[in-house]
Amino acid sequence: MAETSKDRAYSSARHSTYWQQLQMLATQEWSLSTLFAQDADRAAHFSTQAGALYMDYSKQCIDDQVLINLLKLAKSCELSARIDALMQGAMVNTSEQRAALHTALRLPSTSTLQMDEQNVVADVHHSLAQVAKLSERVRQGTWRGFSGKAITDVVNIGVGGSDLGPLMATTALDEWADTEIEVHFVSNMDGTQLDNLLKHLNPETTLFIISSKSFSTVDTLSNAKTALSWLLATATLRAGTEDSVLRRHFIGISANSDKMNAWGIHPEHQLQLWEWVGGRFSLWSAIGLAIAIRIGMSQFQALLSGAHSMDAHFSEADFAENLPVLLGLLAVWNSTFLRVNAHTVLPYDGRLIYLPSYLTQLEMESNGKSVTQHGDRIDYNTCPILWGEIGSNAQHAFYQLLHQGTQQVSCDFIACVRRYSTEVKNASLQQQHELSLANCLAQSRVLAFGNTAVADIAGTKADVETDKYKYYRGNQPSTTVLIDELTPHSLGALIALYEHKVYVMASIWDINPFDQWGVEMGKQMAESVHAAMEQGVGGQFDTSTDQLLQHIKQLSQ
């Protein structure tokens, strides 16, 4: 039986002596140039590896004393017990009184995890078997549309975690695609994406996946309704029926079977989610159907296996060598103690173009909280503002601020060491890859050491010190994660690394990373405003909103 939140009260890191010690250490003047000058082995000292992921955090503003206190801070809040609780299905989502068992989604079929007298692993692998069955039908051309033609295009309709995860992974792993079936993603509520996409698709050969945990998300259902209307417009002309269109052109993925039934999704084409799967942690579940269709079930299983390997590392590795623990503690050090309130993710690999957007939701929706799990107001900084972009593009967009702006920003550089098979023997592509790697290392160097690094190249230190417009202050903290090679397995490990980083941060801050009440309030208000818009009434909101509604009404008429 899973332990409930009421069965276990964890110690708070906030009242630890190590917290106070870190506050004092943060007041020191930190200089990365000085830290490296004092320790010739610093890079080796502050780096570690797990599987295909190598992490160098020597360019963070820390020393041995800071690291020791961070590790002790983790122990003071019983992080080991919290990790066990996460993995074993305890109700770590305290505000909603449920587990957060995304790690169970990638457990091997031989594992067992009992929750409420039910083997969760058996349920997961039953769902994965359905994913395999449906995806193979599409991939092999045996899934036919209402006119009898094989499916050529699949459109995943979702928003948030039901969109960002599958979109990110499918894009990153597209070179593993072994089918001509194209996979598309639609999330925008205003219909722009869907409208542009439908102009290029054939309704007879297009399959839609409606991904929504609640099956009530207005963004998703509005797009699904438009897709159904588009299909019916053609099917009616071809003597098709609404029942045949719903049966042959829609798959539903949700935790709410009743609403899928009411919408018209055929029972055989419904894939199950569970309440203990958070949307932003769900790509490992049936939500990953679009991934499986594009790259095949065996490669999707490799993605799950990579995530599971990071789960094992997170559970078993000593904190001093534990990648998610170290990454999370460094984030806490920067945000809470050094008050670096912005963080950017910079992948130097075009395949990871959607990783920053994915991590933006993962971290800010999880840890953008100002109340502890006990309902107390927080008096320290939690999650920083996070954004990012492909590194080479970012260099021409916002690196100016990173190098010479007034804001302190912590950075994660991510790059793949090996790319472009030797079998291809394309020297130009290999050279481009090496150039990208060189830029990754160069940018983190200049961010860390500023004018010192530039002076080494310029040859004359005085030249860069006397020109105030060419001054680089340096001291921008960063971590570099090198991936041996981007594969389904290594991508799974990378994503799980950041999932667990989020949990470590939340444990130190004593917040619940698995609810998102701030998202829900905006949805409820939107319903009220939309009702007023349809009824043409005003005067029930604030003067600004009422005035804007009136302006919209006048232009609409």
Protein backbone atom coordinates (compact mmCIF):
# COMPACT_ATOMS: atom_id res chain seq x y z
CA MET A 1 0.00 0.00 0.00
CA ALA A 2 1.44 3.37 -0.99
CA GLU A 3 2.37 5.70 1.81
CA THR A 4 0.23 8.84 2.05
CA SER A 5 1.55 12.33 2.64
CA LYS A 6 0.04 12.28 6.13
CA ASP A 7 2.13 9.25 7.06
CA ARG A 8 5.42 11.09 6.62
CA ALA A 9 6.55 14.59 7.59
CA TYR A 10 9.94 15.51 6.15
CA SER A 11 12.41 17.92 7.68
CA SER A 12 12.59 21.38 6.13
CA ALA A 13 15.87 22.51 4.57
CA ARG A 14 14.88 26.12 5.27
CA HIS A 15 15.55 25.75 9.01
CA SER A 16 18.78 23.83 8.60
CA THR A 17 22.09 25.26 9.79
CA TYR A 18 23.41 24.49 6.29
CA TRP A 19 20.87 26.91 4.83
CA GLN A 20 22.23 29.65 7.06
CA GLN A 21 25.78 28.72 6.15
CA LEU A 22 24.98 28.93 2.43
CA GLN A 23 23.41 32.34 2.94
CA MET A 24 26.68 33.56 4.42
CA LEU A 25 28.77 31.96 1.69
CA ALA A 26 26.61 33.63 -0.96
CA THR A 27 27.66 37.07 0.29
CA GLN A 28 31.27 36.43 -0.77
CA GLU A 29 32.58 37.98 -3.95
CA TRP A 30 32.72 35.08 -6.38
CA SER A 31 35.21 35.12 -9.24
CA LEU A 32 35.40 32.18 -11.62
CA SER A 33 38.78 33.38 -12.89
CA THR A 34 40.13 33.28 -9.34
CA LEU A 35 38.59 29.90 -8.59
CA PHE A 36 40.23 28.34 -11.64
CA ALA A 37 43.56 30.03 -10.89
CA GLN A 38 43.53 28.56 -7.37
CA ASP A 39 42.83 24.97 -8.43
CA ALA A 40 44.51 23.41 -11.47
CA ASP A 41 42.28 20.33 -11.10
CA ARG A 42 39.03 22.26 -10.73
CA ALA A 43 37.47 20.95 -13.96
CA ALA A 44 38.12 17.33 -13.00
CA HIS A 45 36.93 17.98 -9.46
CA PHE A 46 33.60 19.49 -10.49
CA SER A 47 32.49 17.08 -13.22
CA THR A 48 30.82 13.68 -13.27
CA GLN A 49 29.23 11.20 -15.66
CA ALA A 50 26.27 8.83 -15.85
CA GLY A 51 25.96 6.63 -18.91
CA ALA A 52 26.14 8.73 -22.06
CA LEU A 53 25.85 12.04 -20.17
CA TYR A 54 28.96 13.90 -19.01
CA MET A 55 28.38 16.98 -16.84
CA ASP A 56 30.97 19.70 -16.19
CA TYR A 57 29.81 22.19 -13.56
CA SER A 58 33.21 23.71 -12.81
CA LYS A 59 32.04 27.04 -14.29
CA GLN A 60 29.49 27.43 -11.50
CA CYS A 61 30.29 29.93 -8.74
CA ILE A 62 31.00 27.29 -6.11
CA ASP A 63 33.92 25.89 -4.16
CA ASP A 64 34.34 22.82 -1.97
CA GLN A 65 32.72 24.52 0.99
CA VAL A 66 29.62 25.45 -1.00
CA LEU A 67 29.30 21.97 -2.47
CA ILE A 68 29.68 20.30 0.93
CA ASN A 69 26.99 22.51 2.42
CA LEU A 70 24.66 21.91 -0.54
CA LEU A 71 25.04 18.16 -0.15
CA LYS A 72 24.42 18.42 3.58
CA LEU A 73 21.40 20.62 2.87
CA ALA A 74 20.00 17.82 0.70
CA LYS A 75 20.47 15.31 3.50
CA SER A 76 18.94 17.71 6.04
CA CYS A 77 15.61 17.65 4.18
CA GLU A 78 15.81 13.85 3.86
CA LEU A 79 16.18 13.89 0.09
CA SER A 80 16.94 10.15 0.00
CA ALA A 81 13.61 9.37 1.66
CA ARG A 82 11.83 11.78 -0.68
CA ILE A 83 13.36 10.04 -3.69
CA ASP A 84 12.23 6.67 -2.34
CA ALA A 85 8.73 8.05 -1.84
CA LEU A 86 8.61 9.27 -5.45
CA MET A 87 9.76 5.94 -6.83
CA GLN A 88 7.54 3.79 -4.63
CA GLY A 89 4.26 5.55 -5.34
CA ALA A 90 3.79 7.56 -2.16
CA MET A 91 1.40 10.51 -2.42
CA VAL A 92 4.07 13.10 -3.13
CA ASN A 93 1.49 15.33 -4.86
CA THR A 94 0.23 16.59 -1.54
CA SER A 95 -2.36 19.15 -2.67
CA GLU A 96 -4.16 16.60 -4.86
CA GLN A 97 -3.44 13.59 -2.62
CA ARG A 98 -2.00 11.36 -5.30
CA ALA A 99 1.27 9.80 -6.43
CA ALA A 100 3.44 11.13 -9.25
CA LEU A 101 4.53 7.90 -10.85
CA HIS A 102 6.01 8.94 -14.18
CA THR A 103 9.01 6.74 -13.30
CA ALA A 104 6.67 3.72 -13.36
CA LEU A 105 5.95 4.44 -17.02
CA ARG A 106 9.46 3.26 -17.91
CA LEU A 107 9.83 0.32 -15.52
CA PRO A 108 10.63 -3.03 -17.21
CA SER A 109 7.69 -5.42 -17.57
CA THR A 110 9.34 -7.78 -15.07
CA SER A 111 9.07 -5.17 -12.29
CA THR A 112 6.25 -4.94 -9.78
CA LEU A 113 4.88 -1.82 -8.11
CA GLN A 114 1.76 -2.18 -6.01
CA MET A 115 -0.51 0.80 -5.46
CA ASP A 116 -3.98 0.41 -4.01
CA GLU A 117 -3.63 -3.37 -4.46
CA GLN A 118 -3.02 -2.91 -8.19
CA ASN A 119 0.21 -3.72 -10.02
CA VAL A 120 0.88 -0.41 -11.74
CA VAL A 121 3.56 -1.93 -13.98
CA ALA A 122 1.11 -4.44 -15.45
CA ASP A 123 -1.31 -1.61 -16.27
CA VAL A 124 1.48 0.41 -17.88
CA HIS A 125 2.62 -2.43 -20.10
CA HIS A 126 -0.94 -3.25 -21.08
CA SER A 127 -1.25 0.34 -22.29
CA LEU A 128 2.13 0.15 -24.07
CA ALA A 129 0.93 -3.01 -25.83
CA GLN A 130 -2.05 -1.02 -27.12
CA VAL A 131 0.30 1.73 -28.27
CA ALA A 132 2.37 -0.88 -30.11
CA LYS A 133 -0.72 -2.40 -31.73
CA LEU A 134 -2.21 0.88 -32.94
CA SER A 135 1.10 2.37 -34.05
CA GLU A 136 1.96 -0.73 -36.09
CA ARG A 137 -1.42 -0.70 -37.80
CA VAL A 138 -0.74 2.86 -38.93
CA ARG A 139 2.89 2.21 -39.86
CA GLN A 140 2.11 -0.96 -41.84
CA GLY A 141 -0.68 0.69 -43.80
CA THR A 142 -3.47 -1.52 -42.47
CA TRP A 143 -5.24 1.39 -40.76
CA ARG A 144 -7.59 2.76 -43.40
CA GLY A 145 -9.59 5.96 -43.58
CA PHE A 146 -13.30 6.22 -44.39
CA SER A 147 -12.65 5.80 -48.14
CA GLY A 148 -10.41 2.76 -47.70
CA LYS A 149 -7.11 4.53 -48.29
CA ALA A 150 -4.11 3.99 -45.98
CA ILE A 151 -3.14 6.71 -43.51
CA THR A 152 -0.35 9.01 -44.71
CA ASP A 153 -0.47 11.76 -42.06
CA VAL A 154 -1.01 11.75 -38.31
CA VAL A 155 -1.92 14.93 -36.41
CA ASN A 156 -1.40 15.04 -32.65
CA ILE A 157 -3.85 17.51 -31.11
CA GLY A 158 -2.86 18.47 -27.57
CA VAL A 159 -1.49 21.31 -25.51
CA GLY A 160 1.10 21.62 -22.77
CA GLY A 161 2.58 18.26 -21.88
CA SER A 162 0.36 16.52 -24.42
CA ASP A 163 2.10 18.53 -27.13
CA LEU A 164 5.52 19.72 -25.98
CA GLY A 165 6.87 16.29 -25.00
CA PRO A 166 5.90 14.33 -28.13
CA LEU A 167 6.83 17.29 -30.36
CA MET A 168 10.26 17.63 -28.76
CA ALA A 169 11.08 13.90 -28.83
CA THR A 170 9.74 13.25 -32.32
CA THR A 171 11.76 16.15 -33.72
CA ALA A 172 14.92 15.17 -31.86
CA LEU A 173 14.73 11.57 -33.04
CA ASP A 174 13.47 12.08 -36.58
CA GLU A 175 16.56 10.48 -38.10
CA TRP A 176 15.30 7.22 -36.56
CA ALA A 177 12.05 7.53 -38.50
CA ASP A 178 11.60 4.48 -40.71
CA THR A 179 8.23 5.32 -42.22
CA GLU A 180 6.93 7.76 -44.80
CA ILE A 181 4.03 8.65 -42.55
CA GLU A 182 4.34 12.27 -41.50
CA VAL A 183 3.53 13.31 -37.93
CA HIS A 184 2.27 16.84 -37.23
CA PHE A 185 1.45 18.70 -34.03
CA VAL A 186 -1.33 21.18 -33.29
CA SER A 187 -1.77 23.04 -30.00
CA ASN A 188 -2.74 26.65 -30.65
CA MET A 189 -6.25 27.54 -29.51
CA ASP A 190 -6.86 30.18 -32.19
CA GLY A 191 -6.73 27.61 -34.97
CA THR A 192 -3.79 29.09 -36.87
CA GLN A 193 -1.71 25.91 -36.83
CA LEU A 194 -4.65 23.68 -37.75
CA ASP A 195 -5.93 25.96 -40.50
CA ASN A 196 -2.50 26.14 -42.15
CA LEU A 197 -2.00 22.38 -41.82
CA LEU A 198 -5.37 21.25 -43.17
CA LYS A 199 -4.73 23.09 -46.43
CA HIS A 200 -2.00 20.56 -47.18
CA LEU A 201 -3.60 17.34 -45.90
CA ASN A 202 -5.95 14.81 -47.48
CA PRO A 203 -8.95 14.11 -45.23
CA GLU A 204 -9.18 10.57 -46.58
CA THR A 205 -5.70 9.69 -45.30
CA THR A 206 -5.34 11.78 -42.14
CA LEU A 207 -5.57 10.35 -38.61
CA PHE A 208 -6.00 12.58 -35.56
CA ILE A 209 -4.79 11.81 -32.03
CA ILE A 210 -6.68 13.76 -29.38
CA SER A 211 -4.40 13.91 -26.34
CA SER A 212 -5.93 15.33 -23.19
CA LYS A 213 -5.70 13.88 -19.69
CA SER A 214 -9.08 15.34 -18.68
CA PHE A 215 -10.55 15.34 -22.20
CA SER A 216 -12.01 18.72 -21.36
CA THR A 217 -9.17 21.09 -22.29
CA VAL A 218 -10.80 23.78 -24.43
CA ASP A 219 -7.69 24.34 -26.57
CA THR A 220 -7.56 20.69 -27.59
CA LEU A 221 -11.28 20.06 -28.02
CA SER A 222 -11.79 23.21 -30.12
CA ASN A 223 -9.13 21.99 -32.54
CA ALA A 224 -10.59 18.47 -32.49
CA LYS A 225 -14.05 19.80 -33.31
CA THR A 226 -12.67 21.74 -36.28
CA ALA A 227 -10.80 18.65 -37.48
CA LEU A 228 -14.01 16.59 -37.29
CA SER A 229 -15.93 19.22 -39.28
CA TRP A 230 -13.19 19.23 -41.92
CA LEU A 231 -13.36 15.45 -42.25
CA LEU A 232 -17.16 15.35 -42.38
CA ALA A 233 -17.27 17.95 -45.15
CA THR A 234 -15.45 15.49 -47.42
CA ALA A 235 -16.84 12.24 -46.03
CA THR A 236 -20.45 13.34 -46.62
CA LEU A 237 -19.68 13.91 -50.28
CA ARG A 238 -18.20 10.40 -50.49
CA ALA A 239 -21.17 8.75 -48.75
CA GLY A 240 -19.22 8.45 -45.51
CA THR A 241 -20.91 8.71 -42.13
CA GLU A 242 -19.98 10.50 -38.94
CA ASP A 243 -19.62 7.12 -37.23
CA SER A 244 -17.14 5.87 -39.82
CA VAL A 245 -15.16 9.12 -39.62
CA LEU A 246 -14.94 8.96 -35.83
CA ARG A 247 -14.00 5.28 -35.91
CA ARG A 248 -11.37 5.51 -38.64
CA HIS A 249 -9.85 8.94 -38.10
CA PHE A 250 -9.61 9.52 -34.35
CA ILE A 251 -7.65 8.05 -31.45
CA GLY A 252 -8.21 9.37 -27.93
CA ILE A 253 -5.67 9.42 -25.10
CA SER A 254 -7.10 10.38 -21.72
CA ALA A 255 -7.78 9.39 -18.13
CA ASN A 256 -11.48 10.07 -18.73
CA SER A 257 -13.10 7.25 -20.71
CA ASP A 258 -16.60 8.65 -20.21
CA LYS A 259 -15.73 11.89 -21.98
CA MET A 260 -13.97 10.06 -24.79
CA ASN A 261 -17.09 7.94 -25.24
CA ALA A 262 -19.31 11.02 -25.22
CA TRP A 263 -17.14 12.71 -27.85
CA GLY A 264 -17.40 9.65 -30.07
CA ILE A 265 -14.00 7.96 -29.77
CA HIS A 266 -14.39 4.24 -30.49
CA PRO A 267 -13.55 2.15 -27.37
CA GLU A 268 -10.89 0.16 -29.26
CA HIS A 269 -9.15 3.41 -30.13
CA GLN A 270 -8.99 4.79 -26.60
CA LEU A 271 -5.65 4.76 -24.79
CA GLN A 272 -5.53 5.09 -21.02
CA LEU A 273 -3.79 7.62 -18.81
CA TRP A 274 -3.88 7.66 -15.03
CA GLU A 275 -4.42 10.44 -12.53
CA TRP A 276 -0.91 9.86 -11.21
CA VAL A 277 0.61 10.95 -14.53
CA GLY A 278 1.22 14.69 -14.70
CA GLY A 279 0.86 16.15 -18.19
CA ARG A 280 4.41 17.50 -18.33
CA PHE A 281 5.72 14.07 -17.26
CA SER A 282 3.58 12.05 -19.67
CA LEU A 283 5.50 11.56 -22.92
CA TRP A 284 6.55 8.11 -21.64
CA SER A 285 2.92 6.97 -21.61
CA ALA A 286 0.38 6.56 -24.41
CA ILE A 287 0.85 10.30 -24.94
CA GLY A 288 3.99 9.18 -26.78
CA LEU A 289 1.91 7.41 -29.47
CA ALA A 290 2.97 9.97 -32.08
CA ILE A 291 6.61 9.21 -31.25
CA ALA A 292 6.02 5.46 -31.64
CA ILE A 293 4.29 5.97 -34.99
CA ARG A 294 7.20 8.00 -36.32
CA ILE A 295 10.21 6.03 -35.05
CA GLY A 296 8.71 2.62 -34.25
CA MET A 297 7.93 0.89 -30.99
CA SER A 298 11.40 -0.60 -30.51
CA GLN A 299 12.97 2.86 -30.58
CA PHE A 300 10.24 4.21 -28.31
CA GLN A 301 11.12 1.42 -25.88
CA ALA A 302 14.76 2.53 -26.08
CA LEU A 303 13.63 6.02 -25.08
CA LEU A 304 11.90 4.52 -22.03
CA SER A 305 14.96 2.43 -21.23
CA GLY A 306 17.19 5.51 -21.26
CA ALA A 307 14.89 7.28 -18.83
CA HIS A 308 14.82 4.21 -16.59
CA SER A 309 18.62 4.14 -16.50
CA MET A 310 18.59 7.71 -15.18
CA ASP A 311 15.92 6.72 -12.63
CA ALA A 312 18.27 4.02 -11.35
CA HIS A 313 21.19 6.45 -11.21
CA PHE A 314 19.05 9.00 -9.35
CA SER A 315 17.96 6.37 -6.82
CA GLU A 316 21.31 4.70 -6.25
CA ALA A 317 24.23 7.06 -6.91
CA ASP A 318 25.92 8.92 -4.09
CA PHE A 319 24.74 12.52 -4.03
CA ALA A 320 28.27 13.79 -4.75
CA GLU A 321 28.22 11.91 -8.08
CA ASN A 322 24.48 12.10 -8.76
CA LEU A 323 23.72 14.17 -11.88
CA PRO A 324 20.10 15.14 -11.08
CA VAL A 325 20.96 15.90 -7.44
CA LEU A 326 23.93 18.07 -8.39
CA LEU A 327 22.01 19.85 -11.16
CA GLY A 328 19.13 20.57 -8.78
CA LEU A 329 21.37 21.76 -5.95
CA LEU A 330 23.25 24.10 -8.29
CA ALA A 331 19.93 25.55 -9.43
CA VAL A 332 18.93 26.17 -5.81
CA TRP A 333 22.32 27.75 -5.07
CA ASN A 334 21.94 30.12 -8.01
CA SER A 335 18.31 31.07 -7.57
CA THR A 336 17.82 31.07 -3.81
CA PHE A 337 21.23 32.03 -2.47
CA LEU A 338 23.00 33.95 -5.24
CA ARG A 339 19.65 35.34 -6.44
CA VAL A 340 20.31 34.64 -10.08
CA ASN A 341 16.70 34.82 -11.19
CA ALA A 342 17.03 33.85 -14.85
CA HIS A 343 18.17 30.61 -16.45
CA THR A 344 18.63 29.72 -20.11
CA VAL A 345 18.97 26.34 -21.83
CA LEU A 346 21.26 26.38 -24.88
CA PRO A 347 21.42 23.17 -26.93
CA TYR A 348 24.06 23.27 -29.65
CA ASP A 349 22.24 20.74 -31.78
CA GLY A 350 19.37 21.58 -34.13
CA ARG A 351 17.62 18.31 -33.32
CA LEU A 352 16.99 19.63 -29.79
CA ILE A 353 15.23 22.76 -31.02
CA TYR A 354 12.14 22.14 -28.86
CA LEU A 355 14.02 21.08 -25.72
CA PRO A 356 14.08 24.62 -24.23
CA SER A 357 10.29 24.97 -24.65
CA TYR A 358 9.79 21.55 -23.09
CA LEU A 359 12.00 22.43 -20.11
CA THR A 360 10.33 25.82 -19.73
CA GLN A 361 7.06 24.07 -18.94
CA LEU A 362 8.69 21.30 -16.94
CA GLU A 363 10.49 23.66 -14.56
CA MET A 364 8.28 26.76 -14.41
CA GLU A 365 4.95 24.93 -14.18
CA SER A 366 6.38 22.53 -11.61
CA ASN A 367 8.36 24.89 -9.38
CA GLY A 368 6.76 28.27 -10.00
CA LYS A 369 5.31 28.22 -6.49
CA SER A 370 5.29 30.61 -3.53
CA VAL A 371 3.69 28.38 -0.87
CA THR A 372 5.24 25.36 0.85
CA GLN A 373 3.59 21.96 0.98
CA HIS A 374 2.38 22.95 4.45
CA GLY A 375 0.65 26.10 3.17
CA ASP A 376 3.23 28.58 4.46
CA ARG A 377 4.20 31.62 2.42
CA ILE A 378 7.76 31.36 1.09
CA ASP A 379 10.34 34.02 1.97
CA TYR A 380 13.02 32.89 -0.51
CA ASN A 381 13.37 32.69 -4.29
CA THR A 382 12.19 29.50 -5.95
CA CYS A 383 12.09 28.78 -9.69
CA PRO A 384 13.94 31.23 -11.93
CA ILE A 385 12.54 32.50 -15.22
CA LEU A 386 13.63 29.96 -17.82
CA TRP A 387 13.95 30.24 -21.57
CA GLY A 388 16.27 29.07 -24.29
CA GLU A 389 17.07 28.55 -27.95
CA ILE A 390 19.41 26.61 -30.19
CA GLY A 391 22.80 27.98 -29.15
CA SER A 392 23.97 29.18 -32.56
CA ASN A 393 20.68 31.06 -33.07
CA ALA A 394 20.76 32.43 -29.54
CA GLN A 395 24.22 33.86 -30.15
CA HIS A 396 22.63 36.24 -32.66
CA ALA A 397 19.57 36.93 -30.54
CA PHE A 398 20.15 37.34 -26.79
CA TYR A 399 23.80 36.53 -26.08
CA GLN A 400 24.45 40.27 -26.09
CA LEU A 401 22.54 40.43 -22.81
CA LEU A 402 24.35 37.38 -21.44
CA HIS A 403 27.77 38.87 -22.18
CA GLN A 404 27.27 42.58 -21.54
CA GLY A 405 23.86 43.11 -19.98
CA THR A 406 23.11 43.99 -16.37
CA GLN A 407 21.32 40.74 -15.53
CA GLN A 408 22.94 37.66 -14.08
CA VAL A 409 21.79 34.55 -15.94
CA SER A 410 22.78 30.95 -15.29
CA CYS A 411 23.14 28.76 -18.38
CA ASP A 412 22.97 25.11 -19.38
CA PHE A 413 24.99 24.28 -22.49
CA ILE A 414 24.02 20.96 -24.10
CA ALA A 415 25.86 19.36 -27.00
CA CYS A 416 26.40 15.97 -28.65
CA VAL A 417 29.99 14.82 -29.12
CA ARG A 418 29.44 12.44 -32.05
CA ARG A 419 27.25 13.16 -35.05
CA TYR A 420 27.14 12.29 -38.75
CA SER A 421 28.13 8.67 -39.26
CA THR A 422 31.48 7.96 -40.84
CA GLU A 423 29.56 5.88 -43.36
CA VAL A 424 28.09 9.10 -44.76
CA LYS A 425 31.59 10.49 -45.23
CA ASN A 426 30.27 14.04 -45.54
CA ALA A 427 33.25 16.17 -44.56
CA SER A 428 31.27 19.42 -44.79
CA LEU A 429 28.60 18.27 -42.32
CA GLN A 430 31.23 16.94 -39.94
CA GLN A 431 33.03 20.26 -40.09
CA GLN A 432 29.79 22.09 -39.30
CA HIS A 433 29.26 19.83 -36.31
CA GLU A 434 32.77 20.54 -35.03
CA LEU A 435 32.18 24.27 -35.54
CA SER A 436 29.01 24.04 -33.45
CA LEU A 437 30.89 22.24 -30.66
CA ALA A 438 33.62 24.88 -30.77
CA ASN A 439 31.04 27.64 -30.40
CA CYS A 440 29.46 25.85 -27.44
CA LEU A 441 32.76 25.64 -25.57
CA ALA A 442 33.86 29.13 -26.58
CA GLN A 443 30.67 30.82 -25.41
CA SER A 444 30.72 29.15 -22.00
CA ARG A 445 34.39 30.17 -21.66
CA VAL A 446 33.74 33.85 -22.40
CA LEU A 447 30.66 33.89 -20.14
CA ALA A 448 32.78 32.53 -17.31
CA PHE A 449 36.02 34.50 -17.71
CA GLY A 450 35.00 37.63 -19.60
CA ASN A 451 37.83 39.91 -20.65
CA THR A 452 40.43 37.44 -19.43
CA ALA A 453 39.36 34.98 -22.11
CA VAL A 454 39.11 37.67 -24.78
CA ALA A 455 42.52 39.07 -23.92
CA ASP A 456 44.10 35.68 -24.54
CA ILE A 457 42.85 35.84 -28.12
CA ALA A 458 43.41 39.55 -28.67
CA GLY A 459 47.00 39.22 -27.56
CA THR A 460 47.04 42.54 -25.79
CA LYS A 461 45.09 42.68 -22.56
CA ALA A 462 45.15 46.48 -22.51
CA ASP A 463 43.24 46.67 -25.77
CA VAL A 464 40.10 45.08 -24.37
CA GLU A 465 40.37 46.72 -20.97
CA THR A 466 40.60 50.29 -22.27
CA ASP A 467 37.63 50.03 -24.66
CA LYS A 468 34.57 50.20 -22.42
CA TYR A 469 32.29 49.05 -25.23
CA LYS A 470 34.21 45.79 -25.51
CA TYR A 471 34.17 44.98 -21.80
CA TYR A 472 32.98 41.47 -20.86
CA ARG A 473 32.43 41.11 -17.14
CA GLY A 474 32.30 37.29 -17.16
CA ASN A 475 31.25 35.43 -14.02
CA GLN A 476 28.05 34.14 -15.64
CA PRO A 477 27.64 30.64 -14.14
CA SER A 478 27.07 27.71 -16.47
CA THR A 479 26.95 23.93 -16.64
CA THR A 480 27.86 21.96 -19.75
CA VAL A 481 26.23 18.61 -20.49
CA LEU A 482 27.89 16.57 -23.24
CA ILE A 483 25.99 13.63 -24.71
CA ASP A 484 28.12 10.90 -26.27
CA GLU A 485 25.67 10.65 -29.16
CA LEU A 486 21.99 11.56 -29.50
CA THR A 487 19.99 8.33 -29.56
CA PRO A 488 16.56 7.37 -28.22
CA HIS A 489 18.31 5.94 -25.15
CA SER A 490 20.47 9.00 -24.43
CA LEU A 491 17.56 11.39 -25.07
CA GLY A 492 15.47 9.45 -22.55
CA ALA A 493 18.26 9.80 -19.98
CA LEU A 494 18.59 13.53 -20.68
CA ILE A 495 14.88 14.21 -20.21
CA ALA A 496 14.74 12.14 -17.02
CA LEU A 497 17.78 14.05 -15.74
CA TYR A 498 15.80 17.28 -15.90
CA GLU A 499 12.66 15.70 -14.46
CA HIS A 500 14.61 14.64 -11.41
CA LYS A 501 16.41 17.98 -11.21
CA VAL A 502 12.95 19.56 -10.79
CA TYR A 503 12.13 17.17 -7.94
CA VAL A 504 15.41 17.90 -6.15
CA MET A 505 14.76 21.65 -6.32
CA ALA A 506 11.21 21.18 -5.06
CA SER A 507 12.43 19.02 -2.17
CA ILE A 508 14.90 21.68 -1.03
CA TRP A 509 12.27 24.41 -1.36
CA ASP A 510 9.60 22.20 0.28
CA ILE A 511 7.09 22.82 -2.51
CA ASN A 512 4.83 20.50 -4.48
CA PRO A 513 6.08 20.30 -8.09
CA PHE A 514 3.16 18.17 -9.31
CA ASP A 515 0.16 20.52 -9.18
CA GLN A 516 -0.50 23.60 -11.32
CA TRP A 517 -3.33 25.57 -9.76
CA GLY A 518 -2.04 28.78 -11.31
CA VAL A 519 -2.85 27.35 -14.74
CA GLU A 520 -6.38 26.39 -13.74
CA MET A 521 -7.46 29.83 -12.51
CA GLY A 522 -6.80 31.43 -15.90
CA LYS A 523 -8.89 28.76 -17.63
CA GLN A 524 -11.85 29.40 -15.33
CA MET A 525 -11.70 33.13 -15.87
CA ALA A 526 -11.52 32.62 -19.65
CA GLU A 527 -14.83 30.74 -19.50
CA SER A 528 -16.50 33.68 -17.74
CA VAL A 529 -15.10 36.21 -20.21
CA HIS A 530 -16.10 34.06 -23.18
CA ALA A 531 -19.65 33.76 -21.84
CA ALA A 532 -19.86 37.54 -21.50
CA MET A 533 -18.50 37.95 -25.04
CA GLU A 534 -21.14 35.61 -26.48
CA GLN A 535 -23.95 37.33 -24.58
CA GLY A 536 -22.73 40.80 -25.46
CA VAL A 537 -22.90 41.95 -21.86
CA GLY A 538 -20.42 44.12 -20.00
CA GLY A 539 -19.92 45.82 -16.70
CA GLN A 540 -19.16 42.65 -14.74
CA PHE A 541 -15.36 42.70 -14.73
CA ASP A 542 -12.75 45.39 -14.08
CA THR A 543 -12.98 48.58 -16.14
CA SER A 544 -10.06 47.59 -18.36
CA THR A 545 -11.51 44.19 -19.31
CA ASP A 546 -14.98 45.68 -19.82
CA GLN A 547 -13.52 48.39 -22.07
CA LEU A 548 -11.62 45.85 -24.15
CA LEU A 549 -14.75 43.69 -24.51
CA GLN A 550 -16.67 46.72 -25.69
CA HIS A 551 -13.99 47.53 -28.26
CA ILE A 552 -14.07 43.93 -29.56
CA LYS A 553 -17.87 44.06 -29.77
CA GLN A 554 -17.84 47.28 -31.79
CA LEU A 555 -15.29 45.97 -34.29
CA SER A 556 -17.07 42.62 -34.60
CA GLN A 557 -20.33 44.35 -35.52
